[in-house]
Amino acid sequence: SCAHAVTDLARRRLVAMVEPFWST
């Protein structure tokens, strides 16, 4: 889902701010 959102934002030349965590 995040990959699709990054792609959709990039197509509109909008910043994709991704907040990644390694979680348990």
PDBML (XML) file of the C-alpha atoms, coordinates in Angstrom:
<?xml version="1.0" encoding="UTF-8" ?>
<PDBx:datablock datablockName="MODEL"
   xmlns:PDBx="http://pdbml.pdb.org/schema/pdbx-v50.xsd"
   xmlns:xsi="http://www.w3.org/2001/XMLSchema-instance"
   xsi:schemaLocation="http://pdbml.pdb.org/schema/pdbx-v50.xsd pdbx-v50.xsd">
   <PDBx:atom_siteCategory>
      <PDBx:atom_site id="1">
         <PDBx:B_iso_or_equiv>0.00</PDBx:B_iso_or_equiv>
         <PDBx:Cartn_x>0.000</PDBx:Cartn_x>
         <PDBx:Cartn_y>0.000</PDBx:Cartn_y>
         <PDBx:Cartn_z>0.000</PDBx:Cartn_z>
         <PDBx:auth_asym_id>A</PDBx:auth_asym_id>
         <PDBx:auth_atom_id>CA</PDBx:auth_atom_id>
         <PDBx:auth_comp_id>SER</PDBx:auth_comp_id>
         <PDBx:auth_seq_id>1</PDBx:auth_seq_id>
         <PDBx:group_PDB>ATOM</PDBx:group_PDB>
         <PDBx:label_alt_id xsi:nil="true" />
         <PDBx:label_asym_id>A</PDBx:label_asym_id>
         <PDBx:label_atom_id>CA</PDBx:label_atom_id>
         <PDBx:label_comp_id>SER</PDBx:label_comp_id>
         <PDBx:label_entity_id>1</PDBx:label_entity_id>
         <PDBx:label_seq_id>1</PDBx:label_seq_id>
         <PDBx:occupancy>1.00</PDBx:occupancy>
         <PDBx:pdbx_PDB_model_num>1</PDBx:pdbx_PDB_model_num>
         <PDBx:type_symbol>C</PDBx:type_symbol>
      </PDBx:atom_site>
      <PDBx:atom_site id="2">
         <PDBx:B_iso_or_equiv>0.00</PDBx:B_iso_or_equiv>
         <PDBx:Cartn_x>2.834</PDBx:Cartn_x>
         <PDBx:Cartn_y>2.408</PDBx:Cartn_y>
         <PDBx:Cartn_z>0.806</PDBx:Cartn_z>
         <PDBx:auth_asym_id>A</PDBx:auth_asym_id>
         <PDBx:auth_atom_id>CA</PDBx:auth_atom_id>
         <PDBx:auth_comp_id>CYS</PDBx:auth_comp_id>
         <PDBx:auth_seq_id>2</PDBx:auth_seq_id>
         <PDBx:group_PDB>ATOM</PDBx:group_PDB>
         <PDBx:label_alt_id xsi:nil="true" />
         <PDBx:label_asym_id>A</PDBx:label_asym_id>
         <PDBx:label_atom_id>CA</PDBx:label_atom_id>
         <PDBx:label_comp_id>CYS</PDBx:label_comp_id>
         <PDBx:label_entity_id>1</PDBx:label_entity_id>
         <PDBx:label_seq_id>2</PDBx:label_seq_id>
         <PDBx:occupancy>1.00</PDBx:occupancy>
         <PDBx:pdbx_PDB_model_num>1</PDBx:pdbx_PDB_model_num>
         <PDBx:type_symbol>C</PDBx:type_symbol>
      </PDBx:atom_site>
      <PDBx:atom_site id="3">
         <PDBx:B_iso_or_equiv>0.00</PDBx:B_iso_or_equiv>
         <PDBx:Cartn_x>4.488</PDBx:Cartn_x>
         <PDBx:Cartn_y>1.611</PDBx:Cartn_y>
         <PDBx:Cartn_z>-2.530</PDBx:Cartn_z>
         <PDBx:auth_asym_id>A</PDBx:auth_asym_id>
         <PDBx:auth_atom_id>CA</PDBx:auth_atom_id>
         <PDBx:auth_comp_id>ALA</PDBx:auth_comp_id>
         <PDBx:auth_seq_id>3</PDBx:auth_seq_id>
         <PDBx:group_PDB>ATOM</PDBx:group_PDB>
         <PDBx:label_alt_id xsi:nil="true" />
         <PDBx:label_asym_id>A</PDBx:label_asym_id>
         <PDBx:label_atom_id>CA</PDBx:label_atom_id>
         <PDBx:label_comp_id>ALA</PDBx:label_comp_id>
         <PDBx:label_entity_id>1</PDBx:label_entity_id>
         <PDBx:label_seq_id>3</PDBx:label_seq_id>
         <PDBx:occupancy>1.00</PDBx:occupancy>
         <PDBx:pdbx_PDB_model_num>1</PDBx:pdbx_PDB_model_num>
         <PDBx:type_symbol>C</PDBx:type_symbol>
      </PDBx:atom_site>
      <PDBx:atom_site id="4">
         <PDBx:B_iso_or_equiv>0.00</PDBx:B_iso_or_equiv>
         <PDBx:Cartn_x>1.272</PDBx:Cartn_x>
         <PDBx:Cartn_y>2.470</PDBx:Cartn_y>
         <PDBx:Cartn_z>-4.385</PDBx:Cartn_z>
         <PDBx:auth_asym_id>A</PDBx:auth_asym_id>
         <PDBx:auth_atom_id>CA</PDBx:auth_atom_id>
         <PDBx:auth_comp_id>HIS</PDBx:auth_comp_id>
         <PDBx:auth_seq_id>4</PDBx:auth_seq_id>
         <PDBx:group_PDB>ATOM</PDBx:group_PDB>
         <PDBx:label_alt_id xsi:nil="true" />
         <PDBx:label_asym_id>A</PDBx:label_asym_id>
         <PDBx:label_atom_id>CA</PDBx:label_atom_id>
         <PDBx:label_comp_id>HIS</PDBx:label_comp_id>
         <PDBx:label_entity_id>1</PDBx:label_entity_id>
         <PDBx:label_seq_id>4</PDBx:label_seq_id>
         <PDBx:occupancy>1.00</PDBx:occupancy>
         <PDBx:pdbx_PDB_model_num>1</PDBx:pdbx_PDB_model_num>
         <PDBx:type_symbol>C</PDBx:type_symbol>
      </PDBx:atom_site>
      <PDBx:atom_site id="5">
         <PDBx:B_iso_or_equiv>0.00</PDBx:B_iso_or_equiv>
         <PDBx:Cartn_x>0.950</PDBx:Cartn_x>
         <PDBx:Cartn_y>5.721</PDBx:Cartn_y>
         <PDBx:Cartn_z>-2.416</PDBx:Cartn_z>
         <PDBx:auth_asym_id>A</PDBx:auth_asym_id>
         <PDBx:auth_atom_id>CA</PDBx:auth_atom_id>
         <PDBx:auth_comp_id>ALA</PDBx:auth_comp_id>
         <PDBx:auth_seq_id>5</PDBx:auth_seq_id>
         <PDBx:group_PDB>ATOM</PDBx:group_PDB>
         <PDBx:label_alt_id xsi:nil="true" />
         <PDBx:label_asym_id>A</PDBx:label_asym_id>
         <PDBx:label_atom_id>CA</PDBx:label_atom_id>
         <PDBx:label_comp_id>ALA</PDBx:label_comp_id>
         <PDBx:label_entity_id>1</PDBx:label_entity_id>
         <PDBx:label_seq_id>5</PDBx:label_seq_id>
         <PDBx:occupancy>1.00</PDBx:occupancy>
         <PDBx:pdbx_PDB_model_num>1</PDBx:pdbx_PDB_model_num>
         <PDBx:type_symbol>C</PDBx:type_symbol>
      </PDBx:atom_site>
      <PDBx:atom_site id="6">
         <PDBx:B_iso_or_equiv>0.00</PDBx:B_iso_or_equiv>
         <PDBx:Cartn_x>4.552</PDBx:Cartn_x>
         <PDBx:Cartn_y>6.729</PDBx:Cartn_y>
         <PDBx:Cartn_z>-3.169</PDBx:Cartn_z>
         <PDBx:auth_asym_id>A</PDBx:auth_asym_id>
         <PDBx:auth_atom_id>CA</PDBx:auth_atom_id>
         <PDBx:auth_comp_id>VAL</PDBx:auth_comp_id>
         <PDBx:auth_seq_id>6</PDBx:auth_seq_id>
         <PDBx:group_PDB>ATOM</PDBx:group_PDB>
         <PDBx:label_alt_id xsi:nil="true" />
         <PDBx:label_asym_id>A</PDBx:label_asym_id>
         <PDBx:label_atom_id>CA</PDBx:label_atom_id>
         <PDBx:label_comp_id>VAL</PDBx:label_comp_id>
         <PDBx:label_entity_id>1</PDBx:label_entity_id>
         <PDBx:label_seq_id>6</PDBx:label_seq_id>
         <PDBx:occupancy>1.00</PDBx:occupancy>
         <PDBx:pdbx_PDB_model_num>1</PDBx:pdbx_PDB_model_num>
         <PDBx:type_symbol>C</PDBx:type_symbol>
      </PDBx:atom_site>
      <PDBx:atom_site id="7">
         <PDBx:B_iso_or_equiv>0.00</PDBx:B_iso_or_equiv>
         <PDBx:Cartn_x>3.920</PDBx:Cartn_x>
         <PDBx:Cartn_y>6.080</PDBx:Cartn_y>
         <PDBx:Cartn_z>-6.866</PDBx:Cartn_z>
         <PDBx:auth_asym_id>A</PDBx:auth_asym_id>
         <PDBx:auth_atom_id>CA</PDBx:auth_atom_id>
         <PDBx:auth_comp_id>THR</PDBx:auth_comp_id>
         <PDBx:auth_seq_id>7</PDBx:auth_seq_id>
         <PDBx:group_PDB>ATOM</PDBx:group_PDB>
         <PDBx:label_alt_id xsi:nil="true" />
         <PDBx:label_asym_id>A</PDBx:label_asym_id>
         <PDBx:label_atom_id>CA</PDBx:label_atom_id>
         <PDBx:label_comp_id>THR</PDBx:label_comp_id>
         <PDBx:label_entity_id>1</PDBx:label_entity_id>
         <PDBx:label_seq_id>7</PDBx:label_seq_id>
         <PDBx:occupancy>1.00</PDBx:occupancy>
         <PDBx:pdbx_PDB_model_num>1</PDBx:pdbx_PDB_model_num>
         <PDBx:type_symbol>C</PDBx:type_symbol>
      </PDBx:atom_site>
      <PDBx:atom_site id="8">
         <PDBx:B_iso_or_equiv>0.00</PDBx:B_iso_or_equiv>
         <PDBx:Cartn_x>0.617</PDBx:Cartn_x>
         <PDBx:Cartn_y>7.982</PDBx:Cartn_y>
         <PDBx:Cartn_z>-6.913</PDBx:Cartn_z>
         <PDBx:auth_asym_id>A</PDBx:auth_asym_id>
         <PDBx:auth_atom_id>CA</PDBx:auth_atom_id>
         <PDBx:auth_comp_id>ASP</PDBx:auth_comp_id>
         <PDBx:auth_seq_id>8</PDBx:auth_seq_id>
         <PDBx:group_PDB>ATOM</PDBx:group_PDB>
         <PDBx:label_alt_id xsi:nil="true" />
         <PDBx:label_asym_id>A</PDBx:label_asym_id>
         <PDBx:label_atom_id>CA</PDBx:label_atom_id>
         <PDBx:label_comp_id>ASP</PDBx:label_comp_id>
         <PDBx:label_entity_id>1</PDBx:label_entity_id>
         <PDBx:label_seq_id>8</PDBx:label_seq_id>
         <PDBx:occupancy>1.00</PDBx:occupancy>
         <PDBx:pdbx_PDB_model_num>1</PDBx:pdbx_PDB_model_num>
         <PDBx:type_symbol>C</PDBx:type_symbol>
      </PDBx:atom_site>
      <PDBx:atom_site id="9">
         <PDBx:B_iso_or_equiv>0.00</PDBx:B_iso_or_equiv>
         <PDBx:Cartn_x>2.138</PDBx:Cartn_x>
         <PDBx:Cartn_y>11.008</PDBx:Cartn_y>
         <PDBx:Cartn_z>-5.170</PDBx:Cartn_z>
         <PDBx:auth_asym_id>A</PDBx:auth_asym_id>
         <PDBx:auth_atom_id>CA</PDBx:auth_atom_id>
         <PDBx:auth_comp_id>LEU</PDBx:auth_comp_id>
         <PDBx:auth_seq_id>9</PDBx:auth_seq_id>
         <PDBx:group_PDB>ATOM</PDBx:group_PDB>
         <PDBx:label_alt_id xsi:nil="true" />
         <PDBx:label_asym_id>A</PDBx:label_asym_id>
         <PDBx:label_atom_id>CA</PDBx:label_atom_id>
         <PDBx:label_comp_id>LEU</PDBx:label_comp_id>
         <PDBx:label_entity_id>1</PDBx:label_entity_id>
         <PDBx:label_seq_id>9</PDBx:label_seq_id>
         <PDBx:occupancy>1.00</PDBx:occupancy>
         <PDBx:pdbx_PDB_model_num>1</PDBx:pdbx_PDB_model_num>
         <PDBx:type_symbol>C</PDBx:type_symbol>
      </PDBx:atom_site>
      <PDBx:atom_site id="10">
         <PDBx:B_iso_or_equiv>0.00</PDBx:B_iso_or_equiv>
         <PDBx:Cartn_x>5.220</PDBx:Cartn_x>
         <PDBx:Cartn_y>11.013</PDBx:Cartn_y>
         <PDBx:Cartn_z>-7.398</PDBx:Cartn_z>
         <PDBx:auth_asym_id>A</PDBx:auth_asym_id>
         <PDBx:auth_atom_id>CA</PDBx:auth_atom_id>
         <PDBx:auth_comp_id>ALA</PDBx:auth_comp_id>
         <PDBx:auth_seq_id>10</PDBx:auth_seq_id>
         <PDBx:group_PDB>ATOM</PDBx:group_PDB>
         <PDBx:label_alt_id xsi:nil="true" />
         <PDBx:label_asym_id>A</PDBx:label_asym_id>
         <PDBx:label_atom_id>CA</PDBx:label_atom_id>
         <PDBx:label_comp_id>ALA</PDBx:label_comp_id>
         <PDBx:label_entity_id>1</PDBx:label_entity_id>
         <PDBx:label_seq_id>10</PDBx:label_seq_id>
         <PDBx:occupancy>1.00</PDBx:occupancy>
         <PDBx:pdbx_PDB_model_num>1</PDBx:pdbx_PDB_model_num>
         <PDBx:type_symbol>C</PDBx:type_symbol>
      </PDBx:atom_site>
      <PDBx:atom_site id="11">
         <PDBx:B_iso_or_equiv>0.00</PDBx:B_iso_or_equiv>
         <PDBx:Cartn_x>3.035</PDBx:Cartn_x>
         <PDBx:Cartn_y>11.046</PDBx:Cartn_y>
         <PDBx:Cartn_z>-10.527</PDBx:Cartn_z>
         <PDBx:auth_asym_id>A</PDBx:auth_asym_id>
         <PDBx:auth_atom_id>CA</PDBx:auth_atom_id>
         <PDBx:auth_comp_id>ARG</PDBx:auth_comp_id>
         <PDBx:auth_seq_id>11</PDBx:auth_seq_id>
         <PDBx:group_PDB>ATOM</PDBx:group_PDB>
         <PDBx:label_alt_id xsi:nil="true" />
         <PDBx:label_asym_id>A</PDBx:label_asym_id>
         <PDBx:label_atom_id>CA</PDBx:label_atom_id>
         <PDBx:label_comp_id>ARG</PDBx:label_comp_id>
         <PDBx:label_entity_id>1</PDBx:label_entity_id>
         <PDBx:label_seq_id>11</PDBx:label_seq_id>
         <PDBx:occupancy>1.00</PDBx:occupancy>
         <PDBx:pdbx_PDB_model_num>1</PDBx:pdbx_PDB_model_num>
         <PDBx:type_symbol>C</PDBx:type_symbol>
      </PDBx:atom_site>
      <PDBx:atom_site id="12">
         <PDBx:B_iso_or_equiv>0.00</PDBx:B_iso_or_equiv>
         <PDBx:Cartn_x>1.607</PDBx:Cartn_x>
         <PDBx:Cartn_y>14.314</PDBx:Cartn_y>
         <PDBx:Cartn_z>-9.206</PDBx:Cartn_z>
         <PDBx:auth_asym_id>A</PDBx:auth_asym_id>
         <PDBx:auth_atom_id>CA</PDBx:auth_atom_id>
         <PDBx:auth_comp_id>ARG</PDBx:auth_comp_id>
         <PDBx:auth_seq_id>12</PDBx:auth_seq_id>
         <PDBx:group_PDB>ATOM</PDBx:group_PDB>
         <PDBx:label_alt_id xsi:nil="true" />
         <PDBx:label_asym_id>A</PDBx:label_asym_id>
         <PDBx:label_atom_id>CA</PDBx:label_atom_id>
         <PDBx:label_comp_id>ARG</PDBx:label_comp_id>
         <PDBx:label_entity_id>1</PDBx:label_entity_id>
         <PDBx:label_seq_id>12</PDBx:label_seq_id>
         <PDBx:occupancy>1.00</PDBx:occupancy>
         <PDBx:pdbx_PDB_model_num>1</PDBx:pdbx_PDB_model_num>
         <PDBx:type_symbol>C</PDBx:type_symbol>
      </PDBx:atom_site>
      <PDBx:atom_site id="13">
         <PDBx:B_iso_or_equiv>0.00</PDBx:B_iso_or_equiv>
         <PDBx:Cartn_x>5.063</PDBx:Cartn_x>
         <PDBx:Cartn_y>15.612</PDBx:Cartn_y>
         <PDBx:Cartn_z>-8.200</PDBx:Cartn_z>
         <PDBx:auth_asym_id>A</PDBx:auth_asym_id>
         <PDBx:auth_atom_id>CA</PDBx:auth_atom_id>
         <PDBx:auth_comp_id>ARG</PDBx:auth_comp_id>
         <PDBx:auth_seq_id>13</PDBx:auth_seq_id>
         <PDBx:group_PDB>ATOM</PDBx:group_PDB>
         <PDBx:label_alt_id xsi:nil="true" />
         <PDBx:label_asym_id>A</PDBx:label_asym_id>
         <PDBx:label_atom_id>CA</PDBx:label_atom_id>
         <PDBx:label_comp_id>ARG</PDBx:label_comp_id>
         <PDBx:label_entity_id>1</PDBx:label_entity_id>
         <PDBx:label_seq_id>13</PDBx:label_seq_id>
         <PDBx:occupancy>1.00</PDBx:occupancy>
         <PDBx:pdbx_PDB_model_num>1</PDBx:pdbx_PDB_model_num>
         <PDBx:type_symbol>C</PDBx:type_symbol>
      </PDBx:atom_site>
      <PDBx:atom_site id="14">
         <PDBx:B_iso_or_equiv>0.00</PDBx:B_iso_or_equiv>
         <PDBx:Cartn_x>4.058</PDBx:Cartn_x>
         <PDBx:Cartn_y>15.669</PDBx:Cartn_y>
         <PDBx:Cartn_z>-4.555</PDBx:Cartn_z>
         <PDBx:auth_asym_id>A</PDBx:auth_asym_id>
         <PDBx:auth_atom_id>CA</PDBx:auth_atom_id>
         <PDBx:auth_comp_id>LEU</PDBx:auth_comp_id>
         <PDBx:auth_seq_id>14</PDBx:auth_seq_id>
         <PDBx:group_PDB>ATOM</PDBx:group_PDB>
         <PDBx:label_alt_id xsi:nil="true" />
         <PDBx:label_asym_id>A</PDBx:label_asym_id>
         <PDBx:label_atom_id>CA</PDBx:label_atom_id>
         <PDBx:label_comp_id>LEU</PDBx:label_comp_id>
         <PDBx:label_entity_id>1</PDBx:label_entity_id>
         <PDBx:label_seq_id>14</PDBx:label_seq_id>
         <PDBx:occupancy>1.00</PDBx:occupancy>
         <PDBx:pdbx_PDB_model_num>1</PDBx:pdbx_PDB_model_num>
         <PDBx:type_symbol>C</PDBx:type_symbol>
      </PDBx:atom_site>
      <PDBx:atom_site id="15">
         <PDBx:B_iso_or_equiv>0.00</PDBx:B_iso_or_equiv>
         <PDBx:Cartn_x>6.237</PDBx:Cartn_x>
         <PDBx:Cartn_y>14.739</PDBx:Cartn_y>
         <PDBx:Cartn_z>-1.595</PDBx:Cartn_z>
         <PDBx:auth_asym_id>A</PDBx:auth_asym_id>
         <PDBx:auth_atom_id>CA</PDBx:auth_atom_id>
         <PDBx:auth_comp_id>VAL</PDBx:auth_comp_id>
         <PDBx:auth_seq_id>15</PDBx:auth_seq_id>
         <PDBx:group_PDB>ATOM</PDBx:group_PDB>
         <PDBx:label_alt_id xsi:nil="true" />
         <PDBx:label_asym_id>A</PDBx:label_asym_id>
         <PDBx:label_atom_id>CA</PDBx:label_atom_id>
         <PDBx:label_comp_id>VAL</PDBx:label_comp_id>
         <PDBx:label_entity_id>1</PDBx:label_entity_id>
         <PDBx:label_seq_id>15</PDBx:label_seq_id>
         <PDBx:occupancy>1.00</PDBx:occupancy>
         <PDBx:pdbx_PDB_model_num>1</PDBx:pdbx_PDB_model_num>
         <PDBx:type_symbol>C</PDBx:type_symbol>
      </PDBx:atom_site>
      <PDBx:atom_site id="16">
         <PDBx:B_iso_or_equiv>0.00</PDBx:B_iso_or_equiv>
         <PDBx:Cartn_x>5.800</PDBx:Cartn_x>
         <PDBx:Cartn_y>11.213</PDBx:Cartn_y>
         <PDBx:Cartn_z>-0.208</PDBx:Cartn_z>
         <PDBx:auth_asym_id>A</PDBx:auth_asym_id>
         <PDBx:auth_atom_id>CA</PDBx:auth_atom_id>
         <PDBx:auth_comp_id>ALA</PDBx:auth_comp_id>
         <PDBx:auth_seq_id>16</PDBx:auth_seq_id>
         <PDBx:group_PDB>ATOM</PDBx:group_PDB>
         <PDBx:label_alt_id xsi:nil="true" />
         <PDBx:label_asym_id>A</PDBx:label_asym_id>
         <PDBx:label_atom_id>CA</PDBx:label_atom_id>
         <PDBx:label_comp_id>ALA</PDBx:label_comp_id>
         <PDBx:label_entity_id>1</PDBx:label_entity_id>
         <PDBx:label_seq_id>16</PDBx:label_seq_id>
         <PDBx:occupancy>1.00</PDBx:occupancy>
         <PDBx:pdbx_PDB_model_num>1</PDBx:pdbx_PDB_model_num>
         <PDBx:type_symbol>C</PDBx:type_symbol>
      </PDBx:atom_site>
      <PDBx:atom_site id="17">
         <PDBx:B_iso_or_equiv>0.00</PDBx:B_iso_or_equiv>
         <PDBx:Cartn_x>6.874</PDBx:Cartn_x>
         <PDBx:Cartn_y>11.376</PDBx:Cartn_y>
         <PDBx:Cartn_z>3.438</PDBx:Cartn_z>
         <PDBx:auth_asym_id>A</PDBx:auth_asym_id>
         <PDBx:auth_atom_id>CA</PDBx:auth_atom_id>
         <PDBx:auth_comp_id>MET</PDBx:auth_comp_id>
         <PDBx:auth_seq_id>17</PDBx:auth_seq_id>
         <PDBx:group_PDB>ATOM</PDBx:group_PDB>
         <PDBx:label_alt_id xsi:nil="true" />
         <PDBx:label_asym_id>A</PDBx:label_asym_id>
         <PDBx:label_atom_id>CA</PDBx:label_atom_id>
         <PDBx:label_comp_id>MET</PDBx:label_comp_id>
         <PDBx:label_entity_id>1</PDBx:label_entity_id>
         <PDBx:label_seq_id>17</PDBx:label_seq_id>
         <PDBx:occupancy>1.00</PDBx:occupancy>
         <PDBx:pdbx_PDB_model_num>1</PDBx:pdbx_PDB_model_num>
         <PDBx:type_symbol>C</PDBx:type_symbol>
      </PDBx:atom_site>
      <PDBx:atom_site id="18">
         <PDBx:B_iso_or_equiv>0.00</PDBx:B_iso_or_equiv>
         <PDBx:Cartn_x>7.562</PDBx:Cartn_x>
         <PDBx:Cartn_y>7.792</PDBx:Cartn_y>
         <PDBx:Cartn_z>4.537</PDBx:Cartn_z>
         <PDBx:auth_asym_id>A</PDBx:auth_asym_id>
         <PDBx:auth_atom_id>CA</PDBx:auth_atom_id>
         <PDBx:auth_comp_id>VAL</PDBx:auth_comp_id>
         <PDBx:auth_seq_id>18</PDBx:auth_seq_id>
         <PDBx:group_PDB>ATOM</PDBx:group_PDB>
         <PDBx:label_alt_id xsi:nil="true" />
         <PDBx:label_asym_id>A</PDBx:label_asym_id>
         <PDBx:label_atom_id>CA</PDBx:label_atom_id>
         <PDBx:label_comp_id>VAL</PDBx:label_comp_id>
         <PDBx:label_entity_id>1</PDBx:label_entity_id>
         <PDBx:label_seq_id>18</PDBx:label_seq_id>
         <PDBx:occupancy>1.00</PDBx:occupancy>
         <PDBx:pdbx_PDB_model_num>1</PDBx:pdbx_PDB_model_num>
         <PDBx:type_symbol>C</PDBx:type_symbol>
      </PDBx:atom_site>
      <PDBx:atom_site id="19">
         <PDBx:B_iso_or_equiv>0.00</PDBx:B_iso_or_equiv>
         <PDBx:Cartn_x>7.954</PDBx:Cartn_x>
         <PDBx:Cartn_y>6.980</PDBx:Cartn_y>
         <PDBx:Cartn_z>8.252</PDBx:Cartn_z>
         <PDBx:auth_asym_id>A</PDBx:auth_asym_id>
         <PDBx:auth_atom_id>CA</PDBx:auth_atom_id>
         <PDBx:auth_comp_id>GLU</PDBx:auth_comp_id>
         <PDBx:auth_seq_id>19</PDBx:auth_seq_id>
         <PDBx:group_PDB>ATOM</PDBx:group_PDB>
         <PDBx:label_alt_id xsi:nil="true" />
         <PDBx:label_asym_id>A</PDBx:label_asym_id>
         <PDBx:label_atom_id>CA</PDBx:label_atom_id>
         <PDBx:label_comp_id>GLU</PDBx:label_comp_id>
         <PDBx:label_entity_id>1</PDBx:label_entity_id>
         <PDBx:label_seq_id>19</PDBx:label_seq_id>
         <PDBx:occupancy>1.00</PDBx:occupancy>
         <PDBx:pdbx_PDB_model_num>1</PDBx:pdbx_PDB_model_num>
         <PDBx:type_symbol>C</PDBx:type_symbol>
      </PDBx:atom_site>
      <PDBx:atom_site id="20">
         <PDBx:B_iso_or_equiv>0.00</PDBx:B_iso_or_equiv>
         <PDBx:Cartn_x>9.577</PDBx:Cartn_x>
         <PDBx:Cartn_y>3.515</PDBx:Cartn_y>
         <PDBx:Cartn_z>8.469</PDBx:Cartn_z>
         <PDBx:auth_asym_id>A</PDBx:auth_asym_id>
         <PDBx:auth_atom_id>CA</PDBx:auth_atom_id>
         <PDBx:auth_comp_id>PRO</PDBx:auth_comp_id>
         <PDBx:auth_seq_id>20</PDBx:auth_seq_id>
         <PDBx:group_PDB>ATOM</PDBx:group_PDB>
         <PDBx:label_alt_id xsi:nil="true" />
         <PDBx:label_asym_id>A</PDBx:label_asym_id>
         <PDBx:label_atom_id>CA</PDBx:label_atom_id>
         <PDBx:label_comp_id>PRO</PDBx:label_comp_id>
         <PDBx:label_entity_id>1</PDBx:label_entity_id>
         <PDBx:label_seq_id>20</PDBx:label_seq_id>
         <PDBx:occupancy>1.00</PDBx:occupancy>
         <PDBx:pdbx_PDB_model_num>1</PDBx:pdbx_PDB_model_num>
         <PDBx:type_symbol>C</PDBx:type_symbol>
      </PDBx:atom_site>
      <PDBx:atom_site id="21">
         <PDBx:B_iso_or_equiv>0.00</PDBx:B_iso_or_equiv>
         <PDBx:Cartn_x>10.102</PDBx:Cartn_x>
         <PDBx:Cartn_y>1.421</PDBx:Cartn_y>
         <PDBx:Cartn_z>11.596</PDBx:Cartn_z>
         <PDBx:auth_asym_id>A</PDBx:auth_asym_id>
         <PDBx:auth_atom_id>CA</PDBx:auth_atom_id>
         <PDBx:auth_comp_id>PHE</PDBx:auth_comp_id>
         <PDBx:auth_seq_id>21</PDBx:auth_seq_id>
         <PDBx:group_PDB>ATOM</PDBx:group_PDB>
         <PDBx:label_alt_id xsi:nil="true" />
         <PDBx:label_asym_id>A</PDBx:label_asym_id>
         <PDBx:label_atom_id>CA</PDBx:label_atom_id>
         <PDBx:label_comp_id>PHE</PDBx:label_comp_id>
         <PDBx:label_entity_id>1</PDBx:label_entity_id>
         <PDBx:label_seq_id>21</PDBx:label_seq_id>
         <PDBx:occupancy>1.00</PDBx:occupancy>
         <PDBx:pdbx_PDB_model_num>1</PDBx:pdbx_PDB_model_num>
         <PDBx:type_symbol>C</PDBx:type_symbol>
      </PDBx:atom_site>
      <PDBx:atom_site id="22">
         <PDBx:B_iso_or_equiv>0.00</PDBx:B_iso_or_equiv>
         <PDBx:Cartn_x>11.372</PDBx:Cartn_x>
         <PDBx:Cartn_y>-2.093</PDBx:Cartn_y>
         <PDBx:Cartn_z>12.220</PDBx:Cartn_z>
         <PDBx:auth_asym_id>A</PDBx:auth_asym_id>
         <PDBx:auth_atom_id>CA</PDBx:auth_atom_id>
         <PDBx:auth_comp_id>TRP</PDBx:auth_comp_id>
         <PDBx:auth_seq_id>22</PDBx:auth_seq_id>
         <PDBx:group_PDB>ATOM</PDBx:group_PDB>
         <PDBx:label_alt_id xsi:nil="true" />
         <PDBx:label_asym_id>A</PDBx:label_asym_id>
         <PDBx:label_atom_id>CA</PDBx:label_atom_id>
         <PDBx:label_comp_id>TRP</PDBx:label_comp_id>
         <PDBx:label_entity_id>1</PDBx:label_entity_id>
         <PDBx:label_seq_id>22</PDBx:label_seq_id>
         <PDBx:occupancy>1.00</PDBx:occupancy>
         <PDBx:pdbx_PDB_model_num>1</PDBx:pdbx_PDB_model_num>
         <PDBx:type_symbol>C</PDBx:type_symbol>
      </PDBx:atom_site>
      <PDBx:atom_site id="23">
         <PDBx:B_iso_or_equiv>0.00</PDBx:B_iso_or_equiv>
         <PDBx:Cartn_x>8.739</PDBx:Cartn_x>
         <PDBx:Cartn_y>-3.319</PDBx:Cartn_y>
         <PDBx:Cartn_z>14.661</PDBx:Cartn_z>
         <PDBx:auth_asym_id>A</PDBx:auth_asym_id>
         <PDBx:auth_atom_id>CA</PDBx:auth_atom_id>
         <PDBx:auth_comp_id>SER</PDBx:auth_comp_id>
         <PDBx:auth_seq_id>23</PDBx:auth_seq_id>
         <PDBx:group_PDB>ATOM</PDBx:group_PDB>
         <PDBx:label_alt_id xsi:nil="true" />
         <PDBx:label_asym_id>A</PDBx:label_asym_id>
         <PDBx:label_atom_id>CA</PDBx:label_atom_id>
         <PDBx:label_comp_id>SER</PDBx:label_comp_id>
         <PDBx:label_entity_id>1</PDBx:label_entity_id>
         <PDBx:label_seq_id>23</PDBx:label_seq_id>
         <PDBx:occupancy>1.00</PDBx:occupancy>
         <PDBx:pdbx_PDB_model_num>1</PDBx:pdbx_PDB_model_num>
         <PDBx:type_symbol>C</PDBx:type_symbol>
      </PDBx:atom_site>
      <PDBx:atom_site id="24">
         <PDBx:B_iso_or_equiv>0.00</PDBx:B_iso_or_equiv>
         <PDBx:Cartn_x>8.020</PDBx:Cartn_x>
         <PDBx:Cartn_y>-6.304</PDBx:Cartn_y>
         <PDBx:Cartn_z>16.900</PDBx:Cartn_z>
         <PDBx:auth_asym_id>A</PDBx:auth_asym_id>
         <PDBx:auth_atom_id>CA</PDBx:auth_atom_id>
         <PDBx:auth_comp_id>THR</PDBx:auth_comp_id>
         <PDBx:auth_seq_id>24</PDBx:auth_seq_id>
         <PDBx:group_PDB>ATOM</PDBx:group_PDB>
         <PDBx:label_alt_id xsi:nil="true" />
         <PDBx:label_asym_id>A</PDBx:label_asym_id>
         <PDBx:label_atom_id>CA</PDBx:label_atom_id>
         <PDBx:label_comp_id>THR</PDBx:label_comp_id>
         <PDBx:label_entity_id>1</PDBx:label_entity_id>
         <PDBx:label_seq_id>24</PDBx:label_seq_id>
         <PDBx:occupancy>1.00</PDBx:occupancy>
         <PDBx:pdbx_PDB_model_num>1</PDBx:pdbx_PDB_model_num>
         <PDBx:type_symbol>C</PDBx:type_symbol>
      </PDBx:atom_site>
   </PDBx:atom_siteCategory>
</PDBx:datablock>
